[in-house]
N, C-alpha and C. Protein backbone atom coordinates (compact mmCIF):
# COMPACT_ATOMS: atom_id res chain seq x y z
N GLN A 1 52.87 -28.91 0.69
CA GLN A 1 52.65 -28.22 1.96
C GLN A 1 51.37 -27.39 1.88
N VAL A 2 50.65 -27.37 2.98
CA VAL A 2 49.41 -26.61 3.09
C VAL A 2 49.57 -25.56 4.17
N GLN A 3 49.12 -24.35 3.87
CA GLN A 3 49.12 -23.27 4.86
C GLN A 3 47.68 -23.04 5.32
N LEU A 4 47.54 -22.80 6.63
CA LEU A 4 46.22 -22.63 7.23
C LEU A 4 46.17 -21.31 8.00
N VAL A 5 45.07 -20.58 7.83
CA VAL A 5 44.88 -19.33 8.55
C VAL A 5 43.48 -19.33 9.16
N GLU A 6 43.43 -19.20 10.48
CA GLU A 6 42.15 -19.16 11.18
C GLU A 6 41.68 -17.72 11.38
N SER A 7 40.36 -17.58 11.51
CA SER A 7 39.77 -16.28 11.82
C SER A 7 38.45 -16.51 12.53
N GLY A 8 37.91 -15.43 13.10
CA GLY A 8 36.59 -15.50 13.69
C GLY A 8 36.55 -15.55 15.20
N GLY A 9 37.70 -15.63 15.85
CA GLY A 9 37.70 -15.66 17.30
C GLY A 9 37.28 -14.33 17.89
N GLY A 10 37.03 -14.33 19.20
CA GLY A 10 36.64 -13.10 19.87
C GLY A 10 36.11 -13.36 21.25
N LEU A 11 35.48 -12.34 21.81
CA LEU A 11 34.91 -12.40 23.16
C LEU A 11 33.40 -12.48 23.05
N VAL A 12 32.81 -13.48 23.70
CA VAL A 12 31.37 -13.70 23.65
C VAL A 12 30.87 -14.04 25.05
N GLN A 13 29.65 -13.66 25.35
CA GLN A 13 29.07 -14.02 26.63
C GLN A 13 28.61 -15.48 26.61
N ALA A 14 28.56 -16.06 27.78
CA ALA A 14 28.08 -17.43 27.90
C ALA A 14 26.68 -17.56 27.30
N GLY A 15 26.49 -18.65 26.57
CA GLY A 15 25.23 -18.87 25.87
C GLY A 15 25.23 -18.37 24.45
N GLY A 16 26.25 -17.62 24.08
CA GLY A 16 26.33 -17.04 22.75
C GLY A 16 26.94 -17.98 21.73
N SER A 17 27.17 -17.44 20.53
CA SER A 17 27.69 -18.23 19.42
C SER A 17 28.86 -17.52 18.75
N LEU A 18 29.69 -18.32 18.11
CA LEU A 18 30.79 -17.82 17.28
C LEU A 18 30.96 -18.78 16.12
N ARG A 19 31.45 -18.26 15.02
CA ARG A 19 31.77 -19.10 13.87
C ARG A 19 33.22 -18.85 13.51
N LEU A 20 34.01 -19.88 13.61
CA LEU A 20 35.42 -19.82 13.23
C LEU A 20 35.58 -20.29 11.80
N SER A 21 36.57 -19.73 11.11
CA SER A 21 36.84 -20.14 9.75
C SER A 21 38.32 -20.43 9.58
N CYS A 22 38.62 -21.42 8.76
CA CYS A 22 39.99 -21.78 8.45
C CYS A 22 40.15 -21.78 6.93
N ALA A 23 41.06 -20.96 6.44
CA ALA A 23 41.33 -20.88 5.01
C ALA A 23 42.62 -21.63 4.71
N ALA A 24 42.55 -22.55 3.77
CA ALA A 24 43.70 -23.36 3.40
C ALA A 24 44.23 -22.91 2.04
N SER A 25 45.54 -22.95 1.90
CA SER A 25 46.18 -22.63 0.62
C SER A 25 47.35 -23.58 0.41
N GLY A 26 47.85 -23.62 -0.81
CA GLY A 26 48.94 -24.54 -1.13
C GLY A 26 48.39 -25.81 -1.75
N ARG A 27 48.93 -26.96 -1.36
CA ARG A 27 48.57 -28.24 -1.96
C ARG A 27 47.27 -28.78 -1.34
N THR A 28 46.20 -28.03 -1.49
CA THR A 28 44.93 -28.42 -0.87
C THR A 28 44.30 -29.63 -1.55
N SER A 29 44.71 -29.93 -2.77
CA SER A 29 44.16 -31.11 -3.44
C SER A 29 44.58 -32.40 -2.75
N SER A 30 45.61 -32.32 -1.93
CA SER A 30 46.09 -33.50 -1.22
C SER A 30 45.37 -33.73 0.10
N THR A 31 44.44 -32.85 0.44
CA THR A 31 43.77 -32.93 1.74
C THR A 31 42.91 -34.17 1.87
N PHE A 32 43.09 -34.89 2.97
CA PHE A 32 42.21 -36.01 3.31
C PHE A 32 41.25 -35.62 4.43
N LEU A 33 41.77 -34.89 5.38
CA LEU A 33 41.02 -34.61 6.61
C LEU A 33 41.38 -33.22 7.12
N MET A 34 40.38 -32.50 7.61
CA MET A 34 40.61 -31.23 8.29
C MET A 34 39.98 -31.32 9.67
N ALA A 35 40.56 -30.59 10.61
CA ALA A 35 40.06 -30.68 11.98
C ALA A 35 40.26 -29.38 12.72
N TRP A 36 39.57 -29.27 13.84
CA TRP A 36 39.76 -28.19 14.80
C TRP A 36 40.20 -28.80 16.12
N PHE A 37 41.21 -28.18 16.70
CA PHE A 37 41.67 -28.50 18.05
C PHE A 37 41.54 -27.21 18.88
N ARG A 38 41.68 -27.37 20.19
CA ARG A 38 41.73 -26.19 21.05
C ARG A 38 42.69 -26.43 22.19
N GLN A 39 43.20 -25.33 22.72
CA GLN A 39 44.10 -25.41 23.86
C GLN A 39 43.76 -24.30 24.83
N ALA A 40 43.30 -24.69 25.99
CA ALA A 40 43.00 -23.74 27.05
C ALA A 40 44.26 -23.43 27.84
N PRO A 41 44.31 -22.29 28.52
CA PRO A 41 45.50 -21.94 29.31
C PRO A 41 45.84 -23.03 30.31
N GLY A 42 47.10 -23.46 30.29
CA GLY A 42 47.56 -24.46 31.23
C GLY A 42 47.14 -25.88 30.94
N LYS A 43 46.51 -26.09 29.79
CA LYS A 43 46.05 -27.44 29.43
C LYS A 43 46.65 -27.88 28.12
N GLU A 44 46.55 -29.18 27.86
CA GLU A 44 47.05 -29.72 26.61
C GLU A 44 46.07 -29.43 25.48
N ARG A 45 46.59 -29.44 24.27
CA ARG A 45 45.75 -29.26 23.10
C ARG A 45 44.83 -30.48 22.96
N GLU A 46 43.55 -30.23 22.65
CA GLU A 46 42.61 -31.33 22.54
C GLU A 46 41.80 -31.24 21.25
N PHE A 47 41.41 -32.41 20.78
CA PHE A 47 40.62 -32.52 19.56
C PHE A 47 39.22 -31.99 19.80
N VAL A 48 38.67 -31.29 18.78
CA VAL A 48 37.31 -30.76 18.86
C VAL A 48 36.42 -31.43 17.82
N ALA A 49 36.81 -31.36 16.55
CA ALA A 49 35.98 -31.90 15.48
C ALA A 49 36.80 -32.09 14.22
N SER A 50 36.34 -32.98 13.35
CA SER A 50 37.02 -33.20 12.08
C SER A 50 36.01 -33.44 10.97
N ILE A 51 36.49 -33.27 9.73
CA ILE A 51 35.63 -33.50 8.57
C ILE A 51 36.50 -33.97 7.40
N ARG A 52 36.03 -35.01 6.73
CA ARG A 52 36.74 -35.51 5.56
C ARG A 52 36.46 -34.63 4.35
N ARG A 53 37.49 -34.42 3.55
CA ARG A 53 37.35 -33.53 2.40
C ARG A 53 36.37 -34.08 1.37
N THR A 54 36.44 -35.40 1.08
CA THR A 54 35.63 -35.94 -0.02
C THR A 54 34.23 -36.33 0.42
N THR A 55 34.10 -37.03 1.54
CA THR A 55 32.79 -37.55 1.95
C THR A 55 32.03 -36.61 2.87
N ALA A 56 32.75 -35.63 3.46
CA ALA A 56 32.16 -34.72 4.45
C ALA A 56 31.74 -35.45 5.72
N ASN A 57 32.23 -36.65 5.94
CA ASN A 57 31.98 -37.34 7.20
C ASN A 57 32.58 -36.54 8.34
N THR A 58 31.86 -36.43 9.44
CA THR A 58 32.32 -35.63 10.56
C THR A 58 32.50 -36.48 11.81
N TYR A 59 33.31 -35.98 12.71
CA TYR A 59 33.54 -36.65 14.00
C TYR A 59 33.74 -35.56 15.04
N TYR A 60 33.11 -35.73 16.20
CA TYR A 60 33.16 -34.70 17.25
C TYR A 60 33.63 -35.27 18.57
N ALA A 61 34.30 -34.42 19.32
CA ALA A 61 34.58 -34.76 20.71
C ALA A 61 33.27 -34.74 21.49
N ASP A 62 33.18 -35.59 22.50
CA ASP A 62 31.92 -35.69 23.25
C ASP A 62 31.49 -34.35 23.84
N PHE A 63 32.43 -33.55 24.27
CA PHE A 63 32.07 -32.32 24.98
C PHE A 63 31.50 -31.24 24.06
N VAL A 64 31.51 -31.45 22.74
CA VAL A 64 30.93 -30.46 21.83
C VAL A 64 29.75 -30.98 21.03
N LYS A 65 29.44 -32.25 21.18
CA LYS A 65 28.33 -32.82 20.42
C LYS A 65 27.03 -32.09 20.73
N GLY A 66 26.33 -31.72 19.66
CA GLY A 66 25.08 -30.99 19.80
C GLY A 66 25.24 -29.50 19.93
N ARG A 67 26.47 -29.02 20.11
CA ARG A 67 26.70 -27.58 20.25
C ARG A 67 27.52 -27.03 19.08
N PHE A 68 28.50 -27.78 18.63
CA PHE A 68 29.39 -27.34 17.56
C PHE A 68 29.10 -28.13 16.29
N THR A 69 29.28 -27.45 15.14
CA THR A 69 29.13 -28.10 13.84
C THR A 69 30.28 -27.69 12.95
N ILE A 70 30.89 -28.67 12.30
CA ILE A 70 32.00 -28.41 11.39
C ILE A 70 31.49 -28.50 9.96
N PHE A 71 31.91 -27.53 9.14
CA PHE A 71 31.52 -27.48 7.73
C PHE A 71 32.76 -27.39 6.87
N ARG A 72 32.62 -27.78 5.61
CA ARG A 72 33.72 -27.55 4.68
C ARG A 72 33.16 -27.07 3.35
N ASP A 73 33.96 -26.23 2.69
CA ASP A 73 33.64 -25.74 1.35
C ASP A 73 34.86 -25.99 0.49
N ASN A 74 34.83 -27.05 -0.26
CA ASN A 74 36.01 -27.43 -1.04
C ASN A 74 36.34 -26.42 -2.14
N ALA A 75 35.33 -25.77 -2.66
CA ALA A 75 35.57 -24.78 -3.71
C ALA A 75 36.35 -23.58 -3.17
N LYS A 76 36.08 -23.24 -1.92
CA LYS A 76 36.77 -22.10 -1.30
C LYS A 76 37.94 -22.54 -0.45
N ASN A 77 38.10 -23.84 -0.29
CA ASN A 77 39.16 -24.38 0.58
C ASN A 77 39.06 -23.82 2.00
N THR A 78 37.86 -23.86 2.53
CA THR A 78 37.65 -23.40 3.90
C THR A 78 36.98 -24.49 4.73
N VAL A 79 37.23 -24.43 6.02
CA VAL A 79 36.56 -25.29 6.99
C VAL A 79 36.12 -24.40 8.14
N ASP A 80 34.84 -24.40 8.42
CA ASP A 80 34.28 -23.56 9.47
C ASP A 80 33.85 -24.40 10.66
N LEU A 81 33.84 -23.74 11.80
CA LEU A 81 33.34 -24.36 13.02
C LEU A 81 32.30 -23.43 13.63
N GLN A 82 31.05 -23.84 13.56
CA GLN A 82 29.96 -23.09 14.17
C GLN A 82 29.82 -23.54 15.61
N MET A 83 29.95 -22.60 16.55
CA MET A 83 29.92 -22.93 17.96
C MET A 83 28.74 -22.23 18.62
N ASN A 84 27.84 -23.03 19.17
CA ASN A 84 26.65 -22.50 19.84
C ASN A 84 26.66 -22.89 21.32
N SER A 85 25.82 -22.23 22.08
CA SER A 85 25.69 -22.53 23.52
C SER A 85 27.06 -22.54 24.20
N LEU A 86 27.83 -21.53 23.93
CA LEU A 86 29.18 -21.47 24.47
C LEU A 86 29.16 -21.24 25.97
N ASN A 87 30.14 -21.80 26.64
CA ASN A 87 30.29 -21.61 28.07
C ASN A 87 31.75 -21.27 28.39
N PRO A 88 32.03 -20.79 29.57
CA PRO A 88 33.41 -20.37 29.89
C PRO A 88 34.44 -21.48 29.70
N GLU A 89 34.03 -22.73 29.83
CA GLU A 89 34.97 -23.84 29.63
C GLU A 89 35.41 -23.98 28.18
N ASP A 90 34.74 -23.29 27.26
CA ASP A 90 35.14 -23.31 25.86
C ASP A 90 36.22 -22.28 25.55
N THR A 91 36.58 -21.48 26.53
CA THR A 91 37.64 -20.49 26.34
C THR A 91 38.96 -21.19 26.02
N ALA A 92 39.56 -20.81 24.89
CA ALA A 92 40.79 -21.46 24.44
C ALA A 92 41.27 -20.81 23.16
N ASN A 93 42.47 -21.16 22.78
CA ASN A 93 42.93 -20.88 21.41
C ASN A 93 42.50 -22.05 20.55
N TYR A 94 41.87 -21.76 19.42
CA TYR A 94 41.37 -22.79 18.52
C TYR A 94 42.26 -22.85 17.29
N TYR A 95 42.65 -24.08 16.96
CA TYR A 95 43.60 -24.31 15.88
C TYR A 95 42.98 -25.17 14.78
N CYS A 96 43.28 -24.82 13.57
CA CYS A 96 42.89 -25.61 12.41
C CYS A 96 44.04 -26.56 12.09
N ALA A 97 43.69 -27.79 11.70
CA ALA A 97 44.71 -28.78 11.39
C ALA A 97 44.36 -29.51 10.10
N HIS A 98 45.40 -30.01 9.44
CA HIS A 98 45.26 -30.65 8.13
C HIS A 98 46.00 -31.98 8.11
N ARG A 99 45.39 -32.95 7.44
CA ARG A 99 46.07 -34.23 7.22
C ARG A 99 45.95 -34.57 5.75
N SER A 100 47.04 -34.95 5.14
CA SER A 100 47.03 -35.25 3.71
C SER A 100 46.84 -36.74 3.43
N ARG A 101 47.33 -37.61 4.28
CA ARG A 101 47.26 -39.05 3.99
C ARG A 101 46.03 -39.67 4.62
N PRO A 102 45.42 -40.64 3.94
CA PRO A 102 44.27 -41.33 4.52
C PRO A 102 44.63 -41.99 5.84
N ILE A 103 43.65 -42.08 6.70
CA ILE A 103 43.84 -42.73 7.98
C ILE A 103 42.55 -43.46 8.33
N LEU A 104 42.71 -44.65 8.90
CA LEU A 104 41.56 -45.40 9.37
C LEU A 104 41.50 -45.30 10.89
N GLY A 105 40.31 -45.32 11.41
CA GLY A 105 40.18 -45.29 12.84
C GLY A 105 40.31 -43.89 13.43
N LEU A 106 40.67 -43.84 14.70
CA LEU A 106 40.74 -42.57 15.41
C LEU A 106 41.79 -41.65 14.81
N HIS A 107 41.50 -40.38 14.84
CA HIS A 107 42.41 -39.37 14.31
C HIS A 107 42.34 -38.14 15.19
N THR A 108 42.34 -38.35 16.48
CA THR A 108 42.16 -37.24 17.42
C THR A 108 43.44 -36.76 18.06
N GLY A 109 44.57 -37.30 17.66
CA GLY A 109 45.84 -36.89 18.23
C GLY A 109 46.53 -35.84 17.38
N GLU A 110 47.32 -35.00 18.04
CA GLU A 110 48.03 -33.96 17.30
C GLU A 110 48.94 -34.56 16.23
N ARG A 111 49.51 -35.72 16.52
CA ARG A 111 50.44 -36.33 15.58
C ARG A 111 49.77 -36.88 14.34
N ASP A 112 48.46 -36.92 14.33
CA ASP A 112 47.74 -37.38 13.16
C ASP A 112 47.67 -36.32 12.06
N TYR A 113 48.13 -35.11 12.34
CA TYR A 113 47.98 -33.99 11.42
C TYR A 113 49.35 -33.43 11.03
N ASP A 114 49.45 -32.98 9.78
CA ASP A 114 50.75 -32.56 9.27
C ASP A 114 50.90 -31.05 9.08
N SER A 115 49.80 -30.29 9.16
CA SER A 115 49.91 -28.83 9.06
C SER A 115 48.97 -28.19 10.07
N TRP A 116 49.40 -27.03 10.58
CA TRP A 116 48.63 -26.34 11.61
C TRP A 116 48.58 -24.85 11.33
N GLY A 117 47.47 -24.24 11.72
CA GLY A 117 47.39 -22.80 11.68
C GLY A 117 47.96 -22.19 12.94
N GLN A 118 47.95 -20.86 13.01
CA GLN A 118 48.51 -20.15 14.16
C GLN A 118 47.51 -20.04 15.31
N GLY A 119 46.25 -20.29 15.03
CA GLY A 119 45.25 -20.26 16.09
C GLY A 119 44.47 -18.95 16.13
N THR A 120 43.29 -19.03 16.70
CA THR A 120 42.47 -17.86 16.93
C THR A 120 41.90 -17.97 18.34
N GLU A 121 41.91 -16.86 19.06
CA GLU A 121 41.55 -16.88 20.47
C GLU A 121 40.05 -16.71 20.66
N VAL A 122 39.49 -17.57 21.50
CA VAL A 122 38.07 -17.51 21.84
C VAL A 122 37.95 -17.36 23.35
N THR A 123 37.23 -16.33 23.78
CA THR A 123 37.03 -16.08 25.20
C THR A 123 35.55 -15.99 25.49
N ILE A 124 35.09 -16.78 26.44
CA ILE A 124 33.68 -16.79 26.82
C ILE A 124 33.56 -16.25 28.24
N SER A 125 32.81 -15.18 28.36
CA SER A 125 32.63 -14.57 29.68
C SER A 125 31.38 -15.11 30.35
N SER A 126 31.43 -15.21 31.66
CA SER A 126 30.29 -15.76 32.42
C SER A 126 29.30 -14.67 32.80
């Protein structure tokens, strides 16, 4: 089992930046994939970005390409999400997710992940 704790959320003006961090503990050696999801009020949780533990290959949702960057530090067992050019539509709770088993193809569904953090709130003012 892996435990995840997010941090770094807050209130930022449109056009600003935030960096979220996810700290993993427990059986982190079993990690295959880490990801960030978000859930805006009244909406379903949606995939934002992912990164493979070994190869550092990344994958992004179209709506964040060029604005968000996902990083990982295996020595520290952290995964960060650098968010730039934020707009009010980015307002949401952001969740860190973990997958232990290898997967081929798309991995953007909630069911593709086996551990979740509690989330960190991000609010973008206009």
